[in-house]
Amino acid sequence: MNQFLPPEETNTEGKKKLKGVSCDVKNCVYNDQKCHCTAEKIAVGPTYATSCTDTVCATFRQRSI
């Protein structure tokens, strides 16, 4: 088991969620509408970021309307 990655849990819809990874982006396909990320993994960047305001979630995918 990788000590640096949190264990996965399953939410009530049967989707896996990353323990400890919250998401406030309501229009992301990986947001389970309870502020949990259901992506298998996340990517945060860019590499030149020097503060949290410089970072973005590269895993974000817009939910279709």
C-alpha atoms as a PDB file:
ATOM      1  CA  MET A   1       0.000   0.000   0.000  1.00  0.00           C
ATOM      2  CA  ASN A   2       1.341   3.422  -0.944  1.00  0.00           C
ATOM      3  CA  GLN A   3       1.665   5.434   2.256  1.00  0.00           C
ATOM      4  CA  PHE A   4       1.370   8.727   0.367  1.00  0.00           C
ATOM      5  CA  LEU A   5      -2.037   8.083  -1.227  1.00  0.00           C
ATOM      6  CA  PRO A   6      -5.196   8.025   0.871  1.00  0.00           C
ATOM      7  CA  PRO A   7      -7.282   4.838   0.711  1.00  0.00           C
ATOM      8  CA  GLU A   8     -10.326   4.849  -1.544  1.00  0.00           C
ATOM      9  CA  GLU A   9     -13.850   4.597  -0.206  1.00  0.00           C
ATOM     10  CA  THR A  10     -17.105   3.871  -2.007  1.00  0.00           C
ATOM     11  CA  ASN A  11     -19.979   6.333  -1.810  1.00  0.00           C
ATOM     12  CA  THR A  12     -23.665   5.429  -1.763  1.00  0.00           C
ATOM     13  CA  GLU A  13     -23.887   5.437  -5.583  1.00  0.00           C
ATOM     14  CA  GLY A  14     -21.129   2.809  -5.779  1.00  0.00           C
ATOM     15  CA  LYS A  15     -18.564   5.249  -7.163  1.00  0.00           C
ATOM     16  CA  LYS A  16     -15.156   5.286  -5.574  1.00  0.00           C
ATOM     17  CA  LYS A  17     -14.062   8.502  -3.958  1.00  0.00           C
ATOM     18  CA  LEU A  18     -10.640   9.595  -2.867  1.00  0.00           C
ATOM     19  CA  LYS A  19     -10.671   9.844   0.904  1.00  0.00           C
ATOM     20  CA  GLY A  20      -9.897  13.360   2.023  1.00  0.00           C
ATOM     21  CA  VAL A  21     -10.278  14.935  -1.440  1.00  0.00           C
ATOM     22  CA  SER A  22     -13.122  17.420  -1.430  1.00  0.00           C
ATOM     23  CA  CYS A  23     -14.433  19.307  -4.441  1.00  0.00           C
ATOM     24  CA  ASP A  24     -16.629  22.402  -4.430  1.00  0.00           C
ATOM     25  CA  VAL A  25     -16.910  22.566  -8.245  1.00  0.00           C
ATOM     26  CA  LYS A  26     -20.567  21.637  -8.786  1.00  0.00           C
ATOM     27  CA  ASN A  27     -20.261  21.348 -12.596  1.00  0.00           C
ATOM     28  CA  CYS A  28     -17.399  18.812 -12.590  1.00  0.00           C
ATOM     29  CA  VAL A  29     -18.314  15.267 -13.675  1.00  0.00           C
ATOM     30  CA  TYR A  30     -16.214  13.892 -10.809  1.00  0.00           C
ATOM     31  CA  ASN A  31     -18.107  15.799  -8.081  1.00  0.00           C
ATOM     32  CA  ASP A  32     -20.656  13.440  -6.500  1.00  0.00           C
ATOM     33  CA  GLN A  33     -22.772  16.495  -5.533  1.00  0.00           C
ATOM     34  CA  LYS A  34     -21.772  15.916  -1.907  1.00  0.00           C
ATOM     35  CA  CYS A  35     -18.411  17.671  -2.359  1.00  0.00           C
ATOM     36  CA  HIS A  36     -16.404  14.443  -2.832  1.00  0.00           C
ATOM     37  CA  CYS A  37     -14.153  13.761  -5.814  1.00  0.00           C
ATOM     38  CA  THR A  38     -14.908  10.459  -7.594  1.00  0.00           C
ATOM     39  CA  ALA A  39     -12.001  10.580 -10.060  1.00  0.00           C
ATOM     40  CA  GLU A  40      -9.613   7.604  -9.939  1.00  0.00           C
ATOM     41  CA  LYS A  41      -6.744  10.027  -9.557  1.00  0.00           C
ATOM     42  CA  ILE A  42      -6.271  13.775  -9.656  1.00  0.00           C
ATOM     43  CA  ALA A  43      -3.702  15.954 -11.336  1.00  0.00           C
ATOM     44  CA  VAL A  44      -2.880  19.376  -9.941  1.00  0.00           C
ATOM     45  CA  GLY A  45      -0.644  21.832 -11.681  1.00  0.00           C
ATOM     46  CA  PRO A  46       0.953  23.743 -13.262  1.00  0.00           C
ATOM     47  CA  THR A  47       4.544  22.944 -12.385  1.00  0.00           C
ATOM     48  CA  TYR A  48       5.495  26.620 -12.053  1.00  0.00           C
ATOM     49  CA  ALA A  49       2.963  27.307  -9.258  1.00  0.00           C
ATOM     50  CA  THR A  50       4.369  29.101  -6.237  1.00  0.00           C
ATOM     51  CA  SER A  51       1.169  29.407  -4.163  1.00  0.00           C
ATOM     52  CA  CYS A  52      -2.241  27.739  -3.884  1.00  0.00           C
ATOM     53  CA  THR A  53      -3.807  30.522  -5.961  1.00  0.00           C
ATOM     54  CA  ASP A  54      -1.551  29.489  -8.872  1.00  0.00           C
ATOM     55  CA  THR A  55      -2.808  25.883  -8.910  1.00  0.00           C
ATOM     56  CA  VAL A  56      -5.610  24.258 -10.893  1.00  0.00           C
ATOM     57  CA  CYS A  57      -7.167  20.812 -10.988  1.00  0.00           C
ATOM     58  CA  ALA A  58      -6.184  19.409 -14.376  1.00  0.00           C
ATOM     59  CA  THR A  59      -8.594  16.497 -13.836  1.00  0.00           C
ATOM     60  CA  PHE A  60     -11.653  18.798 -14.078  1.00  0.00           C
ATOM     61  CA  ARG A  61     -14.147  17.844 -16.775  1.00  0.00           C
ATOM     62  CA  GLN A  62     -17.291  19.920 -17.214  1.00  0.00           C
ATOM     63  CA  ARG A  63     -20.594  18.151 -16.603  1.00  0.00           C
ATOM     64  CA  SER A  64     -22.881  18.376 -19.647  1.00  0.00           C
ATOM     65  CA  ILE A  65     -26.113  20.216 -19.131  1.00  0.00           C
END
